[in-house]
């Protein structure tokens, strides 16, 4: 099965949020 890794999830979500934030900032 697929194991859930909080670190991987947070990293993935973090990048998405960061990209969205940068787009809004600019």
Protein backbone atom coordinates (compact mmCIF):
# COMPACT_ATOMS: atom_id res chain seq x y z
CA UNK A 1 0.00 0.00 0.00
CA UNK A 2 0.91 3.65 -0.03
CA UNK A 3 2.37 4.99 3.18
CA UNK A 4 1.54 8.53 4.24
CA UNK A 5 4.60 10.67 4.91
CA UNK A 6 3.75 14.01 6.62
CA UNK A 7 7.13 15.45 5.61
CA UNK A 8 6.52 14.68 1.93
CA UNK A 9 2.97 16.05 2.11
CA UNK A 10 4.05 19.24 3.86
CA UNK A 11 6.84 19.73 1.33
CA UNK A 12 4.46 19.24 -1.59
CA UNK A 13 1.82 21.53 -0.09
CA UNK A 14 4.50 24.00 0.99
CA UNK A 15 5.77 24.38 -2.57
CA UNK A 16 2.23 24.85 -3.90
CA UNK A 17 1.48 27.48 -1.25
CA UNK A 18 4.82 29.20 -1.83
CA UNK A 19 4.25 29.35 -5.59
CA UNK A 20 0.74 30.73 -5.07
CA UNK A 21 2.05 33.29 -2.58
CA UNK A 22 4.78 34.44 -4.97
CA UNK A 23 2.24 34.83 -7.77
CA UNK A 24 0.03 36.95 -5.49
CA UNK A 25 3.02 38.96 -4.22
CA UNK A 26 4.07 39.74 -7.77
